[in-house]
Amino acid sequence: MRCPFGCREAHRKQRSTERAVAYYATVEGKAKKKIQNGKRAQRGEQADASPPVTEAVEFRANMVGYVAMVASLIEGRPVSEAEILQRLVRAMRQHSMARRRRIDYVVAQLHQHGP
């Protein structure tokens, strides 16, 4: 008899993830993943690309320039405003877990995906 809460499906997904993690930890898996990531980069789909059109993020130009100058002094190398913008956009796209208590996040995930 199957669990009415979807435990079988959750267990299947968890085991699939464990198998994938174990495979990509092997030498063969690492080589394959490197090829896959290389293909993605060739298509121009960078992980830190600009946000989708629906997410309009604006930063004040003089503040970005100032942050770039401070980052250059801290890192001891030239840091461009474009690089600072990429970092800011990536930071703005963080998961919502940081904005909620952990228990609230867990409860929301359980309601969405089941046990």
N, C-alpha and C. Protein backbone atom coordinates (compact mmCIF):
# COMPACT_ATOMS: atom_id res chain seq x y z
N MET A 1 0.84 -1.17 0.00
CA MET A 1 0.00 0.00 0.00
C MET A 1 0.89 1.25 0.00
N ARG A 2 0.51 2.26 -0.75
CA ARG A 2 1.32 3.47 -0.87
C ARG A 2 0.94 4.51 0.16
N CYS A 3 1.91 5.30 0.54
CA CYS A 3 1.69 6.38 1.50
C CYS A 3 0.88 7.49 0.84
N PRO A 4 -0.19 7.99 1.47
CA PRO A 4 -1.01 9.03 0.86
C PRO A 4 -0.35 10.41 0.87
N PHE A 5 0.79 10.54 1.52
CA PHE A 5 1.45 11.85 1.63
C PHE A 5 2.53 12.06 0.58
N GLY A 6 2.71 11.11 -0.32
CA GLY A 6 3.70 11.28 -1.38
C GLY A 6 5.11 10.91 -0.97
N CYS A 7 5.25 10.10 0.06
CA CYS A 7 6.58 9.72 0.54
C CYS A 7 7.35 8.93 -0.51
N ARG A 8 6.65 8.12 -1.28
CA ARG A 8 7.33 7.30 -2.28
C ARG A 8 8.00 8.19 -3.32
N GLU A 9 7.28 9.21 -3.77
CA GLU A 9 7.82 10.13 -4.77
C GLU A 9 9.00 10.93 -4.19
N ALA A 10 8.86 11.39 -2.97
CA ALA A 10 9.93 12.15 -2.32
C ALA A 10 11.17 11.27 -2.15
N HIS A 11 10.97 10.01 -1.77
CA HIS A 11 12.07 9.07 -1.59
C HIS A 11 12.76 8.81 -2.93
N ARG A 12 11.97 8.64 -3.99
CA ARG A 12 12.53 8.40 -5.32
C ARG A 12 13.40 9.58 -5.77
N LYS A 13 12.91 10.80 -5.56
CA LYS A 13 13.68 12.00 -5.94
C LYS A 13 14.97 12.09 -5.13
N GLN A 14 14.88 11.79 -3.85
CA GLN A 14 16.06 11.86 -2.99
C GLN A 14 17.12 10.86 -3.43
N ARG A 15 16.71 9.64 -3.73
CA ARG A 15 17.66 8.62 -4.19
C ARG A 15 18.27 9.00 -5.55
N SER A 16 17.47 9.58 -6.42
CA SER A 16 17.98 10.02 -7.72
C SER A 16 19.06 11.08 -7.54
N THR A 17 18.82 12.01 -6.64
CA THR A 17 19.81 13.05 -6.36
C THR A 17 21.08 12.44 -5.79
N GLU A 18 20.95 11.49 -4.89
CA GLU A 18 22.13 10.83 -4.31
C GLU A 18 22.93 10.09 -5.37
N ARG A 19 22.23 9.43 -6.32
CA ARG A 19 22.94 8.74 -7.40
C ARG A 19 23.69 9.73 -8.28
N ALA A 20 23.05 10.86 -8.59
CA ALA A 20 23.69 11.87 -9.43
C ALA A 20 24.91 12.47 -8.73
N VAL A 21 24.79 12.76 -7.46
CA VAL A 21 25.92 13.32 -6.71
C VAL A 21 27.08 12.33 -6.68
N ALA A 22 26.78 11.07 -6.46
CA ALA A 22 27.83 10.05 -6.42
C ALA A 22 28.50 9.91 -7.79
N TYR A 23 27.72 9.97 -8.86
CA TYR A 23 28.28 9.84 -10.20
C TYR A 23 29.20 11.02 -10.53
N TYR A 24 28.74 12.25 -10.25
CA TYR A 24 29.53 13.42 -10.59
C TYR A 24 30.74 13.60 -9.68
N ALA A 25 30.86 12.78 -8.62
CA ALA A 25 32.05 12.81 -7.78
C ALA A 25 33.14 11.91 -8.35
N THR A 26 32.79 11.04 -9.31
CA THR A 26 33.79 10.16 -9.92
C THR A 26 34.56 10.93 -10.99
N VAL A 27 35.68 10.37 -11.41
CA VAL A 27 36.51 11.01 -12.44
C VAL A 27 35.72 11.12 -13.75
N GLU A 28 35.01 10.05 -14.11
CA GLU A 28 34.21 10.05 -15.34
C GLU A 28 33.10 11.10 -15.27
N GLY A 29 32.44 11.18 -14.13
CA GLY A 29 31.36 12.14 -13.95
C GLY A 29 31.86 13.58 -13.99
N LYS A 30 33.02 13.84 -13.38
CA LYS A 30 33.58 15.19 -13.40
C LYS A 30 33.92 15.61 -14.82
N ALA A 31 34.46 14.67 -15.61
CA ALA A 31 34.80 14.99 -17.00
C ALA A 31 33.54 15.30 -17.80
N LYS A 32 32.50 14.50 -17.60
CA LYS A 32 31.25 14.73 -18.32
C LYS A 32 30.63 16.06 -17.93
N LYS A 33 30.65 16.38 -16.64
CA LYS A 33 30.07 17.65 -16.17
C LYS A 33 30.85 18.84 -16.74
N LYS A 34 32.16 18.70 -16.85
CA LYS A 34 32.98 19.77 -17.42
C LYS A 34 32.61 20.01 -18.87
N ILE A 35 32.36 18.93 -19.62
CA ILE A 35 31.93 19.05 -21.01
C ILE A 35 30.56 19.73 -21.09
N GLN A 36 29.64 19.32 -20.22
CA GLN A 36 28.31 19.92 -20.22
C GLN A 36 28.38 21.41 -19.90
N ASN A 37 29.16 21.77 -18.90
CA ASN A 37 29.29 23.18 -18.54
C ASN A 37 29.96 23.97 -19.65
N GLY A 38 30.90 23.34 -20.35
CA GLY A 38 31.56 24.01 -21.48
C GLY A 38 30.59 24.29 -22.60
N LYS A 39 29.69 23.36 -22.87
CA LYS A 39 28.67 23.57 -23.90
C LYS A 39 27.76 24.72 -23.52
N ARG A 40 27.39 24.81 -22.25
CA ARG A 40 26.52 25.88 -21.79
C ARG A 40 27.22 27.24 -21.98
N ALA A 41 28.49 27.30 -21.67
CA ALA A 41 29.24 28.56 -21.81
C ALA A 41 29.37 28.95 -23.28
N GLN A 42 29.50 27.96 -24.16
CA GLN A 42 29.61 28.25 -25.59
C GLN A 42 28.32 28.84 -26.15
N ARG A 43 27.18 28.44 -25.59
CA ARG A 43 25.90 28.97 -26.05
C ARG A 43 25.66 30.37 -25.52
N GLY A 44 26.49 30.81 -24.57
CA GLY A 44 26.33 32.15 -24.01
C GLY A 44 25.40 32.22 -22.83
N GLU A 45 25.05 31.08 -22.23
CA GLU A 45 24.15 31.07 -21.09
C GLU A 45 24.99 31.03 -19.81
N GLN A 46 25.56 32.14 -19.44
CA GLN A 46 26.38 32.21 -18.24
C GLN A 46 25.49 32.17 -17.00
N ALA A 47 25.98 31.57 -15.95
CA ALA A 47 25.21 31.47 -14.70
C ALA A 47 24.99 32.83 -14.06
N ASP A 48 25.94 33.75 -14.26
CA ASP A 48 25.80 35.07 -13.65
C ASP A 48 25.40 36.11 -14.69
N ALA A 49 24.58 35.72 -15.64
CA ALA A 49 24.10 36.64 -16.67
C ALA A 49 23.14 37.64 -16.04
N SER A 50 22.77 38.64 -16.84
CA SER A 50 21.87 39.67 -16.32
C SER A 50 20.52 39.06 -15.98
N PRO A 51 19.76 39.71 -15.09
CA PRO A 51 18.48 39.14 -14.66
C PRO A 51 17.46 39.16 -15.78
N PRO A 52 16.41 38.33 -15.68
CA PRO A 52 15.37 38.33 -16.69
C PRO A 52 14.70 39.69 -16.79
N VAL A 53 13.99 39.91 -17.88
CA VAL A 53 13.37 41.19 -18.14
C VAL A 53 12.38 41.56 -17.04
N THR A 54 11.75 40.58 -16.43
CA THR A 54 10.74 40.86 -15.41
C THR A 54 11.38 41.40 -14.13
N GLU A 55 12.66 41.18 -13.93
CA GLU A 55 13.34 41.67 -12.74
C GLU A 55 14.15 42.90 -13.07
N ALA A 56 13.57 44.07 -12.94
CA ALA A 56 14.28 45.31 -13.20
C ALA A 56 15.01 45.73 -11.93
N VAL A 57 16.34 45.67 -11.97
CA VAL A 57 17.15 46.04 -10.83
C VAL A 57 17.95 47.27 -11.22
N GLU A 58 17.83 48.34 -10.43
CA GLU A 58 18.55 49.57 -10.73
C GLU A 58 19.44 49.93 -9.55
N PHE A 59 20.65 50.41 -9.89
CA PHE A 59 21.59 50.88 -8.89
C PHE A 59 22.08 52.26 -9.31
N ARG A 60 22.32 53.12 -8.34
CA ARG A 60 22.80 54.46 -8.66
C ARG A 60 24.21 54.38 -9.20
N ALA A 61 24.48 55.05 -10.34
CA ALA A 61 25.76 54.95 -11.05
C ALA A 61 26.91 55.43 -10.18
N ASN A 62 26.75 56.55 -9.46
CA ASN A 62 27.86 57.04 -8.66
C ASN A 62 28.18 56.09 -7.51
N MET A 63 27.17 55.40 -6.98
CA MET A 63 27.40 54.43 -5.90
C MET A 63 28.14 53.20 -6.43
N VAL A 64 27.78 52.75 -7.64
CA VAL A 64 28.46 51.59 -8.24
C VAL A 64 29.93 51.92 -8.48
N GLY A 65 30.20 53.12 -8.97
CA GLY A 65 31.59 53.55 -9.19
C GLY A 65 32.38 53.58 -7.89
N TYR A 66 31.74 54.07 -6.83
CA TYR A 66 32.40 54.14 -5.53
C TYR A 66 32.69 52.72 -5.01
N VAL A 67 31.72 51.83 -5.11
CA VAL A 67 31.91 50.45 -4.65
C VAL A 67 33.01 49.77 -5.46
N ALA A 68 33.09 50.04 -6.76
CA ALA A 68 34.14 49.47 -7.61
C ALA A 68 35.51 49.95 -7.14
N MET A 69 35.61 51.25 -6.80
CA MET A 69 36.88 51.79 -6.33
C MET A 69 37.29 51.16 -5.00
N VAL A 70 36.35 51.02 -4.08
CA VAL A 70 36.65 50.42 -2.78
C VAL A 70 37.04 48.94 -2.95
N ALA A 71 36.32 48.23 -3.80
CA ALA A 71 36.65 46.82 -4.05
C ALA A 71 38.04 46.69 -4.67
N SER A 72 38.40 47.61 -5.56
CA SER A 72 39.73 47.59 -6.16
C SER A 72 40.81 47.77 -5.09
N LEU A 73 40.58 48.68 -4.16
CA LEU A 73 41.55 48.90 -3.08
C LEU A 73 41.66 47.68 -2.18
N ILE A 74 40.53 47.06 -1.86
CA ILE A 74 40.53 45.90 -0.97
C ILE A 74 41.19 44.70 -1.64
N GLU A 75 40.83 44.43 -2.90
CA GLU A 75 41.34 43.25 -3.59
C GLU A 75 42.72 43.45 -4.18
N GLY A 76 43.17 44.69 -4.27
CA GLY A 76 44.50 44.95 -4.82
C GLY A 76 44.60 44.71 -6.32
N ARG A 77 43.48 44.85 -7.01
CA ARG A 77 43.44 44.69 -8.46
C ARG A 77 42.31 45.58 -8.99
N PRO A 78 42.37 45.94 -10.28
CA PRO A 78 41.28 46.75 -10.83
C PRO A 78 39.97 45.95 -10.89
N VAL A 79 38.91 46.52 -10.38
CA VAL A 79 37.59 45.91 -10.43
C VAL A 79 36.69 46.86 -11.21
N SER A 80 36.11 46.37 -12.30
CA SER A 80 35.29 47.23 -13.16
C SER A 80 33.89 47.40 -12.59
N GLU A 81 33.23 48.46 -13.04
CA GLU A 81 31.84 48.69 -12.62
C GLU A 81 30.93 47.57 -13.11
N ALA A 82 31.24 47.03 -14.29
CA ALA A 82 30.44 45.92 -14.83
C ALA A 82 30.53 44.70 -13.91
N GLU A 83 31.74 44.44 -13.38
CA GLU A 83 31.91 43.30 -12.47
C GLU A 83 31.13 43.53 -11.18
N ILE A 84 31.14 44.76 -10.68
CA ILE A 84 30.39 45.09 -9.47
C ILE A 84 28.89 44.91 -9.73
N LEU A 85 28.42 45.35 -10.90
CA LEU A 85 27.00 45.17 -11.23
C LEU A 85 26.62 43.69 -11.27
N GLN A 86 27.50 42.86 -11.85
CA GLN A 86 27.23 41.42 -11.88
C GLN A 86 27.12 40.86 -10.46
N ARG A 87 28.03 41.27 -9.59
CA ARG A 87 28.00 40.79 -8.21
C ARG A 87 26.72 41.25 -7.49
N LEU A 88 26.33 42.51 -7.72
CA LEU A 88 25.13 43.03 -7.07
C LEU A 88 23.87 42.31 -7.55
N VAL A 89 23.79 42.07 -8.86
CA VAL A 89 22.62 41.36 -9.41
C VAL A 89 22.56 39.96 -8.85
N ARG A 90 23.71 39.28 -8.77
CA ARG A 90 23.74 37.92 -8.21
C ARG A 90 23.32 37.94 -6.74
N ALA A 91 23.76 38.95 -6.00
CA ALA A 91 23.39 39.04 -4.58
C ALA A 91 21.90 39.32 -4.42
N MET A 92 21.31 40.05 -5.35
CA MET A 92 19.89 40.38 -5.26
C MET A 92 19.02 39.18 -5.62
N ARG A 93 19.59 38.15 -6.28
CA ARG A 93 18.81 36.99 -6.68
C ARG A 93 18.96 35.84 -5.71
N GLN A 94 19.35 36.08 -4.49
CA GLN A 94 19.51 35.02 -3.51
C GLN A 94 18.16 34.39 -3.17
N HIS A 95 18.19 33.17 -2.67
CA HIS A 95 16.98 32.48 -2.29
C HIS A 95 16.31 33.17 -1.11
N SER A 96 15.04 32.97 -0.98
CA SER A 96 14.27 33.64 0.05
C SER A 96 14.52 33.09 1.45
N MET A 97 15.26 32.01 1.59
CA MET A 97 15.50 31.42 2.90
C MET A 97 16.19 32.41 3.83
N ALA A 98 17.05 33.25 3.28
CA ALA A 98 17.79 34.20 4.10
C ALA A 98 16.86 35.25 4.71
N ARG A 99 15.71 35.45 4.11
CA ARG A 99 14.80 36.48 4.59
C ARG A 99 13.75 35.93 5.56
N ARG A 100 13.74 34.62 5.76
CA ARG A 100 12.75 33.99 6.63
C ARG A 100 13.45 33.18 7.70
N ARG A 101 12.71 32.93 8.76
CA ARG A 101 13.24 32.00 9.76
C ARG A 101 13.30 30.62 9.13
N ARG A 102 14.23 29.81 9.57
CA ARG A 102 14.42 28.48 8.99
C ARG A 102 13.15 27.62 9.09
N ILE A 103 12.48 27.69 10.21
CA ILE A 103 11.27 26.86 10.39
C ILE A 103 10.19 27.27 9.40
N ASP A 104 10.05 28.57 9.13
CA ASP A 104 9.06 29.03 8.16
C ASP A 104 9.39 28.51 6.77
N TYR A 105 10.68 28.50 6.43
CA TYR A 105 11.11 27.99 5.13
C TYR A 105 10.80 26.50 5.01
N VAL A 106 11.09 25.74 6.05
CA VAL A 106 10.86 24.29 6.03
C VAL A 106 9.37 23.99 5.90
N VAL A 107 8.55 24.71 6.64
CA VAL A 107 7.10 24.48 6.57
C VAL A 107 6.59 24.80 5.16
N ALA A 108 7.05 25.88 4.57
CA ALA A 108 6.63 26.24 3.21
C ALA A 108 7.04 25.16 2.21
N GLN A 109 8.27 24.62 2.36
CA GLN A 109 8.72 23.55 1.47
C GLN A 109 7.89 22.29 1.64
N LEU A 110 7.53 21.96 2.87
CA LEU A 110 6.71 20.77 3.11
C LEU A 110 5.31 20.93 2.51
N HIS A 111 4.77 22.12 2.62
CA HIS A 111 3.45 22.36 2.00
C HIS A 111 3.53 22.26 0.49
N GLN A 112 4.65 22.71 -0.06
CA GLN A 112 4.79 22.71 -1.53
C GLN A 112 5.13 21.33 -2.08
N HIS A 113 6.02 20.58 -1.40
CA HIS A 113 6.50 19.32 -1.95
C HIS A 113 6.09 18.08 -1.17
N GLY A 114 5.53 18.24 -0.03
CA GLY A 114 5.17 17.07 0.77
C GLY A 114 6.38 16.47 1.46
N PRO A 115 6.20 15.47 2.29
CA PRO A 115 7.31 14.88 3.05
C PRO A 115 8.24 14.07 2.18
